[in-house]
Amino acid sequence: MAKTQLLKNYMVKRLDHGRIRFILRPDEHLALKALLEEVADDMLDGLDEFADAVSAWLRALAQEMLTRRYLLMTLADKENTFVLSKSEALGVLSILWSEPLLETRPILQILFGELHQLLS
């Protein structure tokens, strides 16, 4: 019953052309924003280690981390109702689905579980 109640607190809905709409309560929006910022900041901390690397592989890895961080921070700046393209939703899901910080936020676990079902 508690899971059903949690599911009613927000809405994840598939729109046309594979886009996904999120409508979050303010507390859910704040929890998501905090998670996104924390994960993005962790990525930025990791980039410091790569700053002096000359290897092309390490530069490519650093560029990938910057791209992922940009995606997370762009999402963190959105309001509590927003629409993502299917590729953006897949990108966010691929970054956060196995993120250990997600395990400490049950509301967001359900949200991303619902998103995973919509995208599969």
PDB file of N, CA and C in Angstrom:
ATOM      1  N   MET A   1       0.821  -1.189   0.000  1.00  0.00           N
ATOM      2  CA  MET A   1       0.000   0.000   0.000  1.00  0.00           C
ATOM      3  C   MET A   1       0.865   1.253   0.000  1.00  0.00           C
ATOM      4  N   ALA A   2       1.957   1.238   0.760  1.00  0.00           N
ATOM      5  CA  ALA A   2       2.831   2.409   0.819  1.00  0.00           C
ATOM      6  C   ALA A   2       3.429   2.700  -0.557  1.00  0.00           C
ATOM      7  N   LYS A   3       3.758   1.645  -1.313  1.00  0.00           N
ATOM      8  CA  LYS A   3       4.317   1.849  -2.646  1.00  0.00           C
ATOM      9  C   LYS A   3       3.294   2.535  -3.546  1.00  0.00           C
ATOM     10  N   THR A   4       2.042   2.126  -3.459  1.00  0.00           N
ATOM     11  CA  THR A   4       0.985   2.751  -4.255  1.00  0.00           C
ATOM     12  C   THR A   4       0.856   4.222  -3.904  1.00  0.00           C
ATOM     13  N   GLN A   5       0.909   4.542  -2.618  1.00  0.00           N
ATOM     14  CA  GLN A   5       0.808   5.932  -2.205  1.00  0.00           C
ATOM     15  C   GLN A   5       1.994   6.740  -2.726  1.00  0.00           C
ATOM     16  N   LEU A   6       3.185   6.165  -2.670  1.00  0.00           N
ATOM     17  CA  LEU A   6       4.351   6.873  -3.177  1.00  0.00           C
ATOM     18  C   LEU A   6       4.230   7.115  -4.678  1.00  0.00           C
ATOM     19  N   LEU A   7       3.693   6.129  -5.407  1.00  0.00           N
ATOM     20  CA  LEU A   7       3.556   6.284  -6.846  1.00  0.00           C
ATOM     21  C   LEU A   7       2.598   7.404  -7.205  1.00  0.00           C
ATOM     22  N   LYS A   8       1.617   7.681  -6.363  1.00  0.00           N
ATOM     23  CA  LYS A   8       0.639   8.720  -6.651  1.00  0.00           C
ATOM     24  C   LYS A   8       1.187  10.117  -6.378  1.00  0.00           C
ATOM     25  N   ASN A   9       2.328  10.214  -5.728  1.00  0.00           N
ATOM     26  CA  ASN A   9       2.889  11.514  -5.376  1.00  0.00           C
ATOM     27  C   ASN A   9       3.528  12.226  -6.567  1.00  0.00           C
ATOM     28  N   TYR A  10       3.832  11.531  -7.614  1.00  0.00           N
ATOM     29  CA  TYR A  10       4.455  12.138  -8.776  1.00  0.00           C
ATOM     30  C   TYR A  10       3.903  11.466 -10.012  1.00  0.00           C
ATOM     31  N   MET A  11       4.244  11.997 -11.153  1.00  0.00           N
ATOM     32  CA  MET A  11       3.796  11.376 -12.386  1.00  0.00           C
ATOM     33  C   MET A  11       4.948  11.322 -13.377  1.00  0.00           C
ATOM     34  N   VAL A  12       5.135  10.166 -13.962  1.00  0.00           N
ATOM     35  CA  VAL A  12       6.048   9.980 -15.076  1.00  0.00           C
ATOM     36  C   VAL A  12       5.184   9.446 -16.199  1.00  0.00           C
ATOM     37  N   LYS A  13       5.158  10.145 -17.313  1.00  0.00           N
ATOM     38  CA  LYS A  13       4.240   9.776 -18.383  1.00  0.00           C
ATOM     39  C   LYS A  13       4.963   9.842 -19.721  1.00  0.00           C
ATOM     40  N   ARG A  14       4.685   8.852 -20.568  1.00  0.00           N
ATOM     41  CA  ARG A  14       5.253   8.842 -21.919  1.00  0.00           C
ATOM     42  C   ARG A  14       4.403   9.756 -22.798  1.00  0.00           C
ATOM     43  N   LEU A  15       5.064  10.630 -23.547  1.00  0.00           N
ATOM     44  CA  LEU A  15       4.396  11.523 -24.485  1.00  0.00           C
ATOM     45  C   LEU A  15       4.682  11.055 -25.910  1.00  0.00           C
ATOM     46  N   ASP A  16       4.258  11.821 -26.888  1.00  0.00           N
ATOM     47  CA  ASP A  16       4.536  11.475 -28.278  1.00  0.00           C
ATOM     48  C   ASP A  16       6.037  11.561 -28.560  1.00  0.00           C
ATOM     49  N   HIS A  17       6.462  10.881 -29.597  1.00  0.00           N
ATOM     50  CA  HIS A  17       7.859  10.862 -30.040  1.00  0.00           C
ATOM     51  C   HIS A  17       8.812  10.370 -28.954  1.00  0.00           C
ATOM     52  N   GLY A  18       8.320   9.565 -28.016  1.00  0.00           N
ATOM     53  CA  GLY A  18       9.169   8.964 -26.998  1.00  0.00           C
ATOM     54  C   GLY A  18       9.602   9.888 -25.880  1.00  0.00           C
ATOM     55  N   ARG A  19       9.081  11.113 -25.856  1.00  0.00           N
ATOM     56  CA  ARG A  19       9.456  12.037 -24.783  1.00  0.00           C
ATOM     57  C   ARG A  19       8.796  11.596 -23.477  1.00  0.00           C
ATOM     58  N   ILE A  20       9.397  11.975 -22.364  1.00  0.00           N
ATOM     59  CA  ILE A  20       8.915  11.600 -21.040  1.00  0.00           C
ATOM     60  C   ILE A  20       8.615  12.871 -20.259  1.00  0.00           C
ATOM     61  N   ARG A  21       7.414  12.951 -19.638  1.00  0.00           N
ATOM     62  CA  ARG A  21       7.058  14.109 -18.811  1.00  0.00           C
ATOM     63  C   ARG A  21       7.153  13.710 -17.346  1.00  0.00           C
ATOM     64  N   PHE A  22       7.763  14.569 -16.557  1.00  0.00           N
ATOM     65  CA  PHE A  22       7.861  14.399 -15.117  1.00  0.00           C
ATOM     66  C   PHE A  22       7.061  15.504 -14.450  1.00  0.00           C
ATOM     67  N   ILE A  23       6.211  15.160 -13.503  1.00  0.00           N
ATOM     68  CA  ILE A  23       5.539  16.136 -12.657  1.00  0.00           C
ATOM     69  C   ILE A  23       5.824  15.705 -11.227  1.00  0.00           C
ATOM     70  N   LEU A  24       6.640  16.487 -10.528  1.00  0.00           N
ATOM     71  CA  LEU A  24       7.102  16.121  -9.193  1.00  0.00           C
ATOM     72  C   LEU A  24       6.559  17.090  -8.160  1.00  0.00           C
ATOM     73  N   ARG A  25       6.315  16.570  -6.962  1.00  0.00           N
ATOM     74  CA  ARG A  25       5.982  17.457  -5.844  1.00  0.00           C
ATOM     75  C   ARG A  25       7.244  18.243  -5.490  1.00  0.00           C
ATOM     76  N   PRO A  26       7.085  19.376  -4.800  1.00  0.00           N
ATOM     77  CA  PRO A  26       8.268  20.169  -4.443  1.00  0.00           C
ATOM     78  C   PRO A  26       9.317  19.382  -3.657  1.00  0.00           C
ATOM     79  N   ASP A  27       8.912  18.529  -2.712  1.00  0.00           N
ATOM     80  CA  ASP A  27       9.903  17.772  -1.939  1.00  0.00           C
ATOM     81  C   ASP A  27      10.618  16.742  -2.807  1.00  0.00           C
ATOM     82  N   GLU A  28       9.898  16.147  -3.749  1.00  0.00           N
ATOM     83  CA  GLU A  28      10.519  15.196  -4.666  1.00  0.00           C
ATOM     84  C   GLU A  28      11.482  15.923  -5.607  1.00  0.00           C
ATOM     85  N   HIS A  29      11.072  17.104  -6.049  1.00  0.00           N
ATOM     86  CA  HIS A  29      11.929  17.903  -6.920  1.00  0.00           C
ATOM     87  C   HIS A  29      13.226  18.275  -6.201  1.00  0.00           C
ATOM     88  N   LEU A  30      13.115  18.684  -4.940  1.00  0.00           N
ATOM     89  CA  LEU A  30      14.313  19.033  -4.163  1.00  0.00           C
ATOM     90  C   LEU A  30      15.210  17.821  -3.951  1.00  0.00           C
ATOM     91  N   ALA A  31      14.616  16.651  -3.685  1.00  0.00           N
ATOM     92  CA  ALA A  31      15.404  15.426  -3.501  1.00  0.00           C
ATOM     93  C   ALA A  31      16.136  15.063  -4.788  1.00  0.00           C
ATOM     94  N   LEU A  32      15.446  15.177  -5.925  1.00  0.00           N
ATOM     95  CA  LEU A  32      16.071  14.879  -7.209  1.00  0.00           C
ATOM     96  C   LEU A  32      17.190  15.872  -7.501  1.00  0.00           C
ATOM     97  N   LYS A  33      16.935  17.148  -7.275  1.00  0.00           N
ATOM     98  CA  LYS A  33      17.948  18.175  -7.523  1.00  0.00           C
ATOM     99  C   LYS A  33      19.183  17.941  -6.650  1.00  0.00           C
ATOM    100  N   ALA A  34      18.971  17.604  -5.376  1.00  0.00           N
ATOM    101  CA  ALA A  34      20.098  17.346  -4.473  1.00  0.00           C
ATOM    102  C   ALA A  34      20.912  16.147  -4.952  1.00  0.00           C
ATOM    103  N   LEU A  35      20.227  15.077  -5.379  1.00  0.00           N
ATOM    104  CA  LEU A  35      20.926  13.895  -5.889  1.00  0.00           C
ATOM    105  C   LEU A  35      21.728  14.247  -7.137  1.00  0.00           C
ATOM    106  N   LEU A  36      21.110  14.951  -8.073  1.00  0.00           N
ATOM    107  CA  LEU A  36      21.798  15.308  -9.314  1.00  0.00           C
ATOM    108  C   LEU A  36      23.034  16.159  -9.042  1.00  0.00           C
ATOM    109  N   GLU A  37      22.895  17.136  -8.162  1.00  0.00           N
ATOM    110  CA  GLU A  37      24.031  18.006  -7.851  1.00  0.00           C
ATOM    111  C   GLU A  37      25.145  17.239  -7.148  1.00  0.00           C
ATOM    112  N   GLU A  38      24.768  16.328  -6.247  1.00  0.00           N
ATOM    113  CA  GLU A  38      25.776  15.552  -5.521  1.00  0.00           C
ATOM    114  C   GLU A  38      26.551  14.638  -6.464  1.00  0.00           C
ATOM    115  N   VAL A  39      25.835  13.944  -7.351  1.00  0.00           N
ATOM    116  CA  VAL A  39      26.500  13.058  -8.306  1.00  0.00           C
ATOM    117  C   VAL A  39      27.359  13.873  -9.272  1.00  0.00           C
ATOM    118  N   ALA A  40      26.833  15.005  -9.738  1.00  0.00           N
ATOM    119  CA  ALA A  40      27.589  15.855 -10.664  1.00  0.00           C
ATOM    120  C   ALA A  40      28.848  16.404  -9.999  1.00  0.00           C
ATOM    121  N   ASP A  41      28.758  16.799  -8.737  1.00  0.00           N
ATOM    122  CA  ASP A  41      29.931  17.306  -8.029  1.00  0.00           C
ATOM    123  C   ASP A  41      30.972  16.211  -7.825  1.00  0.00           C
ATOM    124  N   ASP A  42      30.512  14.980  -7.567  1.00  0.00           N
ATOM    125  CA  ASP A  42      31.453  13.868  -7.445  1.00  0.00           C
ATOM    126  C   ASP A  42      32.218  13.668  -8.750  1.00  0.00           C
ATOM    127  N   MET A  43      31.509  13.828  -9.879  1.00  0.00           N
ATOM    128  CA  MET A  43      32.175  13.703 -11.178  1.00  0.00           C
ATOM    129  C   MET A  43      33.222  14.795 -11.349  1.00  0.00           C
ATOM    130  N   LEU A  44      32.892  15.998 -10.934  1.00  0.00           N
ATOM    131  CA  LEU A  44      33.816  17.121 -11.073  1.00  0.00           C
ATOM    132  C   LEU A  44      35.067  16.889 -10.229  1.00  0.00           C
ATOM    133  N   ASP A  45      34.885  16.345  -9.023  1.00  0.00           N
ATOM    134  CA  ASP A  45      36.041  16.035  -8.180  1.00  0.00           C
ATOM    135  C   ASP A  45      36.969  15.046  -8.879  1.00  0.00           C
ATOM    136  N   GLY A  46      36.382  14.066  -9.558  1.00  0.00           N
ATOM    137  CA  GLY A  46      37.186  13.080 -10.277  1.00  0.00           C
ATOM    138  C   GLY A  46      37.967  13.676 -11.433  1.00  0.00           C
ATOM    139  N   LEU A  47      37.448  14.759 -12.001  1.00  0.00           N
ATOM    140  CA  LEU A  47      38.137  15.385 -13.131  1.00  0.00           C
ATOM    141  C   LEU A  47      39.464  16.014 -12.729  1.00  0.00           C
ATOM    142  N   ASP A  48      39.576  16.436 -11.481  1.00  0.00           N
ATOM    143  CA  ASP A  48      40.837  17.026 -11.025  1.00  0.00           C
ATOM    144  C   ASP A  48      41.999  16.059 -11.211  1.00  0.00           C
ATOM    145  N   GLU A  49      41.727  14.777 -11.023  1.00  0.00           N
ATOM    146  CA  GLU A  49      42.773  13.768 -11.165  1.00  0.00           C
ATOM    147  C   GLU A  49      43.228  13.622 -12.615  1.00  0.00           C
ATOM    148  N   PHE A  50      42.329  13.950 -13.553  1.00  0.00           N
ATOM    149  CA  PHE A  50      42.655  13.792 -14.968  1.00  0.00           C
ATOM    150  C   PHE A  50      43.215  15.061 -15.605  1.00  0.00           C
ATOM    151  N   ALA A  51      43.248  16.147 -14.855  1.00  0.00           N
ATOM    152  CA  ALA A  51      43.607  17.443 -15.436  1.00  0.00           C
ATOM    153  C   ALA A  51      44.993  17.443 -16.071  1.00  0.00           C
ATOM    154  N   ASP A  52      45.934  16.735 -15.492  1.00  0.00           N
ATOM    155  CA  ASP A  52      47.304  16.749 -16.009  1.00  0.00           C
ATOM    156  C   ASP A  52      47.596  15.596 -16.968  1.00  0.00           C
ATOM    157  N   ALA A  53      46.609  14.790 -17.249  1.00  0.00           N
ATOM    158  CA  ALA A  53      46.839  13.616 -18.102  1.00  0.00           C
ATOM    159  C   ALA A  53      47.008  14.032 -19.560  1.00  0.00           C
ATOM    160  N   VAL A  54      47.937  13.395 -20.252  1.00  0.00           N
ATOM    161  CA  VAL A  54      48.166  13.696 -21.659  1.00  0.00           C
ATOM    162  C   VAL A  54      47.655  12.590 -22.566  1.00  0.00           C
ATOM    163  N   SER A  55      47.315  11.495 -21.996  1.00  0.00           N
ATOM    164  CA  SER A  55      46.826  10.376 -22.787  1.00  0.00           C
ATOM    165  C   SER A  55      45.496  10.737 -23.456  1.00  0.00           C
ATOM    166  N   ALA A  56      45.355  10.397 -24.706  1.00  0.00           N
ATOM    167  CA  ALA A  56      44.100  10.659 -25.427  1.00  0.00           C
ATOM    168  C   ALA A  56      42.940   9.931 -24.765  1.00  0.00           C
ATOM    169  N   TRP A  57      43.195   8.741 -24.263  1.00  0.00           N
ATOM    170  CA  TRP A  57      42.130   7.979 -23.603  1.00  0.00           C
ATOM    171  C   TRP A  57      41.630   8.706 -22.364  1.00  0.00           C
ATOM    172  N   LEU A  58      42.538   9.220 -21.568  1.00  0.00           N
ATOM    173  CA  LEU A  58      42.139   9.942 -20.365  1.00  0.00           C
ATOM    174  C   LEU A  58      41.433  11.250 -20.703  1.00  0.00           C
ATOM    175  N   ARG A  59      41.879  11.927 -21.756  1.00  0.00           N
ATOM    176  CA  ARG A  59      41.190  13.153 -22.169  1.00  0.00           C
ATOM    177  C   ARG A  59      39.769  12.833 -22.621  1.00  0.00           C
ATOM    178  N   ALA A  60      39.593  11.735 -23.348  1.00  0.00           N
ATOM    179  CA  ALA A  60      38.252  11.333 -23.791  1.00  0.00           C
ATOM    180  C   ALA A  60      37.373  10.987 -22.593  1.00  0.00           C
ATOM    181  N   LEU A  61      37.943  10.307 -21.615  1.00  0.00           N
ATOM    182  CA  LEU A  61      37.188   9.968 -20.411  1.00  0.00           C
ATOM    183  C   LEU A  61      36.782  11.232 -19.651  1.00  0.00           C
ATOM    184  N   ALA A  62      37.708  12.170 -19.530  1.00  0.00           N
ATOM    185  CA  ALA A  62      37.390  13.434 -18.861  1.00  0.00           C
ATOM    186  C   ALA A  62      36.292  14.180 -19.612  1.00  0.00           C
ATOM    187  N   GLN A  63      36.335  14.163 -20.946  1.00  0.00           N
ATOM    188  CA  GLN A  63      35.299  14.820 -21.747  1.00  0.00           C
ATOM    189  C   GLN A  63      33.943  14.153 -21.526  1.00  0.00           C
ATOM    190  N   GLU A  64      33.925  12.826 -21.447  1.00  0.00           N
ATOM    191  CA  GLU A  64      32.677  12.093 -21.187  1.00  0.00           C
ATOM    192  C   GLU A  64      32.104  12.466 -19.826  1.00  0.00           C
ATOM    193  N   MET A  65      32.969  12.590 -18.827  1.00  0.00           N
ATOM    194  CA  MET A  65      32.500  12.971 -17.494  1.00  0.00           C
ATOM    195  C   MET A  65      31.933  14.388 -17.504  1.00  0.00           C
ATOM    196  N   LEU A  66      32.556  15.290 -18.241  1.00  0.00           N
ATOM    197  CA  LEU A  66      32.034  16.654 -18.350  1.00  0.00           C
ATOM    198  C   LEU A  66      30.670  16.670 -19.035  1.00  0.00           C
ATOM    199  N   THR A  67      30.509  15.856 -20.073  1.00  0.00           N
ATOM    200  CA  THR A  67      29.230  15.778 -20.778  1.00  0.00           C
ATOM    201  C   THR A  67      28.145  15.261 -19.851  1.00  0.00           C
ATOM    202  N   ARG A  68      28.442  14.212 -19.103  1.00  0.00           N
ATOM    203  CA  ARG A  68      27.462  13.668 -18.155  1.00  0.00           C
ATOM    204  C   ARG A  68      27.128  14.685 -17.073  1.00  0.00           C
ATOM    205  N   ARG A  69      28.135  15.389 -16.579  1.00  0.00           N
ATOM    206  CA  ARG A  69      27.895  16.400 -15.545  1.00  0.00           C
ATOM    207  C   ARG A  69      26.999  17.506 -16.087  1.00  0.00           C
ATOM    208  N   TYR A  70      27.246  17.930 -17.316  1.00  0.00           N
ATOM    209  CA  TYR A  70      26.419  18.973 -17.926  1.00  0.00           C
ATOM    210  C   TYR A  70      24.962  18.519 -18.013  1.00  0.00           C
ATOM    211  N   LEU A  71      24.736  17.266 -18.425  1.00  0.00           N
ATOM    212  CA  LEU A  71      23.373  16.734 -18.506  1.00  0.00           C
ATOM    213  C   LEU A  71      22.700  16.757 -17.137  1.00  0.00           C
ATOM    214  N   LEU A  72      23.402  16.321 -16.099  1.00  0.00           N
ATOM    215  CA  LEU A  72      22.824  16.301 -14.753  1.00  0.00           C
ATOM    216  C   LEU A  72      22.530  17.706 -14.245  1.00  0.00           C
ATOM    217  N   MET A  73      23.449  18.629 -14.457  1.00  0.00           N
ATOM    218  CA  MET A  73      23.235  19.990 -13.967  1.00  0.00           C
ATOM    219  C   MET A  73      22.127  20.699 -14.746  1.00  0.00           C
ATOM    220  N   THR A  74      21.995  20.410 -16.041  1.00  0.00           N
ATOM    221  CA  THR A  74      20.891  20.969 -16.824  1.00  0.00           C
ATOM    222  C   THR A  74      19.568  20.480 -16.270  1.00  0.00           C
ATOM    223  N   LEU A  75      19.497  19.201 -15.939  1.00  0.00           N
ATOM    224  CA  LEU A  75      18.277  18.638 -15.366  1.00  0.00           C
ATOM    225  C   LEU A  75      18.011  19.217 -13.979  1.00  0.00           C
ATOM    226  N   ALA A  76      19.048  19.418 -13.195  1.00  0.00           N
ATOM    227  CA  ALA A  76      18.880  19.967 -11.844  1.00  0.00           C
ATOM    228  C   ALA A  76      18.316  21.384 -11.882  1.00  0.00           C
ATOM    229  N   ASP A  77      18.551  22.108 -12.962  1.00  0.00           N
ATOM    230  CA  ASP A  77      18.052  23.477 -13.085  1.00  0.00           C
ATOM    231  C   ASP A  77      16.600  23.550 -13.549  1.00  0.00           C
ATOM    232  N   LYS A  78      16.005  22.428 -13.908  1.00  0.00           N
ATOM    233  CA  LYS A  78      14.621  22.439 -14.389  1.00  0.00           C
ATOM    234  C   LYS A  78      13.647  22.592 -13.227  1.00  0.00           C
ATOM    235  N   GLU A  79      12.443  23.039 -13.565  1.00  0.00           N
ATOM    236  CA  GLU A  79      11.379  23.163 -12.565  1.00  0.00           C
ATOM    237  C   GLU A  79      10.854  21.772 -12.237  1.00  0.00           C
ATOM    238  N   ASN A  80       9.787  21.698 -11.414  1.00  0.00           N
ATOM    239  CA  ASN A  80       9.294  20.383 -11.004  1.00  0.00           C
ATOM    240  C   ASN A  80       8.438  19.706 -12.075  1.00  0.00           C
ATOM    241  N   THR A  81       8.086  20.399 -13.152  1.00  0.00           N
ATOM    242  CA  THR A  81       7.414  19.789 -14.296  1.00  0.00           C
ATOM    243  C   THR A  81       8.305  20.022 -15.505  1.00  0.00           C
ATOM    244  N   PHE A  82       8.736  18.936 -16.157  1.00  0.00           N
ATOM    245  CA  PHE A  82       9.636  19.079 -17.296  1.00  0.00           C
ATOM    246  C   PHE A  82       9.496  17.887 -18.216  1.00  0.00           C
ATOM    247  N   VAL A  83       9.979  18.040 -19.430  1.00  0.00           N
ATOM    248  CA  VAL A  83       9.906  16.990 -20.444  1.00  0.00           C
ATOM    249  C   VAL A  83      11.320  16.715 -20.937  1.00  0.00           C
ATOM    250  N   LEU A  84      11.653  15.428 -21.055  1.00  0.00           N
ATOM    251  CA  LEU A  84      12.941  15.017 -21.604  1.00  0.00           C
ATOM    252  C   LEU A  84      12.702  14.213 -22.869  1.00  0.00           C
ATOM    253  N   SER A  85      13.614  14.318 -23.819  1.00  0.00           N
ATOM    254  CA  SER A  85      13.552  13.427 -24.975  1.00  0.00           C
ATOM    255  C   SER A  85      13.895  12.019 -24.491  1.00  0.00           C
ATOM    256  N   LYS A  86      13.600  11.038 -25.319  1.00  0.00           N
ATOM    257  CA  LYS A  86      13.908   9.660 -24.939  1.00  0.00           C
ATOM    258  C   LYS A  86      15.410   9.491 -24.709  1.00  0.00           C
ATOM    259  N   SER A  87      16.229  10.099 -25.558  1.00  0.00           N
ATOM    260  CA  SER A  87      17.679   9.947 -25.391  1.00  0.00           C
ATOM    261  C   SER A  87      18.169  10.634 -24.116  1.00  0.00           C
ATOM    262  N   GLU A  88      17.587  11.790 -23.770  1.00  0.00           N
ATOM    263  CA  GLU A  88      17.962  12.451 -22.518  1.00  0.00           C
ATOM    264  C   GLU A  88      17.547  11.601 -21.318  1.00  0.00           C
ATOM    265  N   ALA A  89      16.324  11.047 -21.374  1.00  0.00           N
ATOM    266  CA  ALA A  89      15.846  10.198 -20.277  1.00  0.00           C
ATOM    267  C   ALA A  89      16.730   8.964 -20.130  1.00  0.00           C
ATOM    268  N   LEU A  90      17.119   8.358 -21.252  1.00  0.00           N
ATOM    269  CA  LEU A  90      18.023   7.202 -21.202  1.00  0.00           C
ATOM    270  C   LEU A  90      19.385   7.597 -20.629  1.00  0.00           C
ATOM    271  N   GLY A  91      19.865   8.778 -20.994  1.00  0.00           N
ATOM    272  CA  GLY A  91      21.150   9.253 -20.475  1.00  0.00           C
ATOM    273  C   GLY A  91      21.127   9.429 -18.971  1.00  0.00           C
ATOM    274  N   VAL A  92      20.074  10.085 -18.479  1.00  0.00           N
ATOM    275  CA  VAL A  92      19.949  10.291 -17.031  1.00  0.00           C
ATOM    276  C   VAL A  92      19.807   8.952 -16.321  1.00  0.00           C
ATOM    277  N   LEU A  93      18.976   8.074 -16.876  1.00  0.00           N
ATOM    278  CA  LEU A  93      18.777   6.761 -16.261  1.00  0.00           C
ATOM    279  C   LEU A  93      20.083   5.971 -16.243  1.00  0.00           C
ATOM    280  N   SER A  94      20.854   6.030 -17.325  1.00  0.00           N
ATOM    281  CA  SER A  94      22.109   5.268 -17.368  1.00  0.00           C
ATOM    282  C   SER A  94      23.122   5.785 -16.354  1.00  0.00           C
ATOM    283  N   ILE A  95      23.076   7.074 -16.073  1.00  0.00           N
ATOM    284  CA  ILE A  95      24.005   7.644 -15.095  1.00  0.00           C
ATOM    285  C   ILE A  95      23.580   7.305 -13.668  1.00  0.00           C
ATOM    286  N   LEU A  96      22.286   7.411 -13.392  1.00  0.00           N
ATOM    287  CA  LEU A  96      21.817   7.327 -12.006  1.00  0.00           C
ATOM    288  C   LEU A  96      21.304   5.955 -11.570  1.00  0.00           C
ATOM    289  N   TRP A  97      20.979   5.066 -12.505  1.00  0.00           N
ATOM    290  CA  TRP A  97      20.336   3.799 -12.143  1.00  0.00           C
ATOM    291  C   TRP A  97      21.183   2.978 -11.173  1.00  0.00           C
ATOM    292  N   SER A  98      22.487   2.943 -11.374  1.00  0.00           N
ATOM    293  CA  SER A  98      23.350   2.154 -10.482  1.00  0.00           C
ATOM    294  C   SER A  98      24.114   3.034  -9.496  1.00  0.00           C
ATOM    295  N   GLU A  99      23.710   4.281  -9.371  1.00  0.00           N
ATOM    296  CA  GLU A  99      24.380   5.215  -8.464  1.00  0.00           C
ATOM    297  C   GLU A  99      24.071   4.847  -7.013  1.00  0.00           C
ATOM    298  N   PRO A 100      25.093   4.574  -6.183  1.00  0.00           N
ATOM    299  CA  PRO A 100      24.852   4.211  -4.780  1.00  0.00           C
ATOM    300  C   PRO A 100      24.061   5.271  -4.004  1.00  0.00           C
ATOM    301  N   LEU A 101      24.210   6.540  -4.350  1.00  0.00           N
ATOM    302  CA  LEU A 101      23.466   7.592  -3.653  1.00  0.00           C
ATOM    303  C   LEU A 101      21.958   7.463  -3.853  1.00  0.00           C
ATOM    304  N   LEU A 102      21.548   6.834  -4.947  1.00  0.00           N
ATOM    305  CA  LEU A 102      20.117   6.652  -5.216  1.00  0.00           C
ATOM    306  C   LEU A 102      19.477   5.729  -4.176  1.00  0.00           C
ATOM    307  N   GLU A 103      20.260   4.794  -3.643  1.00  0.00           N
ATOM    308  CA  GLU A 103      19.731   3.840  -2.665  1.00  0.00           C
ATOM    309  C   GLU A 103      19.268   4.512  -1.378  1.00  0.00           C
ATOM    310  N   THR A 104      19.744   5.709  -1.101  1.00  0.00           N
ATOM    311  CA  THR A 104      19.357   6.411   0.126  1.00  0.00           C
ATOM    312  C   THR A 104      18.140   7.306  -0.071  1.00  0.00           C
ATOM    313  N   ARG A 105      17.557   7.268  -1.254  1.00  0.00           N
ATOM    314  CA  ARG A 105      16.400   8.122  -1.566  1.00  0.00           C
ATOM    315  C   ARG A 105      15.275   7.270  -2.150  1.00  0.00           C
ATOM    316  N   PRO A 106      14.434   6.650  -1.293  1.00  0.00           N
ATOM    317  CA  PRO A 106      13.405   5.723  -1.766  1.00  0.00           C
ATOM    318  C   PRO A 106      12.411   6.348  -2.743  1.00  0.00           C
ATOM    319  N   ILE A 107      12.076   7.611  -2.553  1.00  0.00           N
ATOM    320  CA  ILE A 107      11.136   8.259  -3.473  1.00  0.00           C
ATOM    321  C   ILE A 107      11.703   8.253  -4.886  1.00  0.00           C
ATOM    322  N   LEU A 108      12.988   8.535  -5.001  1.00  0.00           N
ATOM    323  CA  LEU A 108      13.607   8.585  -6.317  1.00  0.00           C
ATOM    324  C   LEU A 108      13.850   7.192  -6.883  1.00  0.00           C
ATOM    325  N   GLN A 109      14.035   6.189  -6.031  1.00  0.00           N
ATOM    326  CA  GLN A 109      14.159   4.813  -6.515  1.00  0.00           C
ATOM    327  C   GLN A 109      12.890   4.416  -7.259  1.00  0.00           C
ATOM    328  N   ILE A 110      11.744   4.771  -6.698  1.00  0.00           N
ATOM    329  CA  ILE A 110      10.471   4.444  -7.340  1.00  0.00           C
ATOM    330  C   ILE A 110      10.332   5.228  -8.641  1.00  0.00           C
ATOM    331  N   LEU A 111      10.690   6.500  -8.619  1.00  0.00           N
ATOM    332  CA  LEU A 111      10.613   7.344  -9.812  1.00  0.00           C
ATOM    333  C   LEU A 111      11.451   6.762 -10.945  1.00  0.00           C
ATOM    334  N   PHE A 112      12.696   6.396 -10.656  1.00  0.00           N
ATOM    335  CA  PHE A 112      13.558   5.864 -11.698  1.00  0.00           C
ATOM    336  C   PHE A 112      13.169   4.440 -12.087  1.00  0.00           C
ATOM    337  N   GLY A 113      12.569   3.694 -11.170  1.00  0.00           N
ATOM    338  CA  GLY A 113      12.021   2.385 -11.528  1.00  0.00           C
ATOM    339  C   GLY A 113      10.899   2.524 -12.541  1.00  0.00           C
ATOM    340  N   GLU A 114      10.033   3.499 -12.321  1.00  0.00           N
ATOM    341  CA  GLU A 114       8.937   3.784 -13.253  1.00  0.00           C
ATOM    342  C   GLU A 114       9.492   4.230 -14.610  1.00  0.00           C
ATOM    343  N   LEU A 115      10.497   5.085 -14.587  1.00  0.00           N
ATOM    344  CA  LEU A 115      11.126   5.535 -15.830  1.00  0.00           C
ATOM    345  C   LEU A 115      11.757   4.353 -16.563  1.00  0.00           C
ATOM    346  N   HIS A 116      12.413   3.473 -15.838  1.00  0.00           N
ATOM    347  CA  HIS A 116      13.032   2.287 -16.435  1.00  0.00           C
ATOM    348  C   HIS A 116      11.985   1.440 -17.145  1.00  0.00           C
ATOM    349  N   GLN A 117      10.822   1.261 -16.516  1.00  0.00           N
ATOM    350  CA  GLN A 117       9.745   0.488 -17.140  1.00  0.00           C
ATOM    351  C   GLN A 117       9.235   1.168 -18.405  1.00  0.00           C
ATOM    352  N   LEU A 118       9.092   2.485 -18.372  1.00  0.00           N
ATOM    353  CA  LEU A 118       8.616   3.206 -19.557  1.00  0.00           C
ATOM    354  C   LEU A 118       9.589   3.093 -20.725  1.00  0.00           C
ATOM    355  N   LEU A 119      10.865   3.065 -20.428  1.00  0.00           N
ATOM    356  CA  LEU A 119      11.872   3.054 -21.483  1.00  0.00           C
ATOM    357  C   LEU A 119      12.211   1.655 -21.982  1.00  0.00           C
ATOM    358  N   SER A 120      11.783   0.622 -21.271  1.00  0.00           N
ATOM    359  CA  SER A 120      12.129  -0.737 -21.720  1.00  0.00           C
ATOM    360  C   SER A 120      11.042  -1.354 -22.563  1.00  0.00           C
TER     361      SER A 120
END
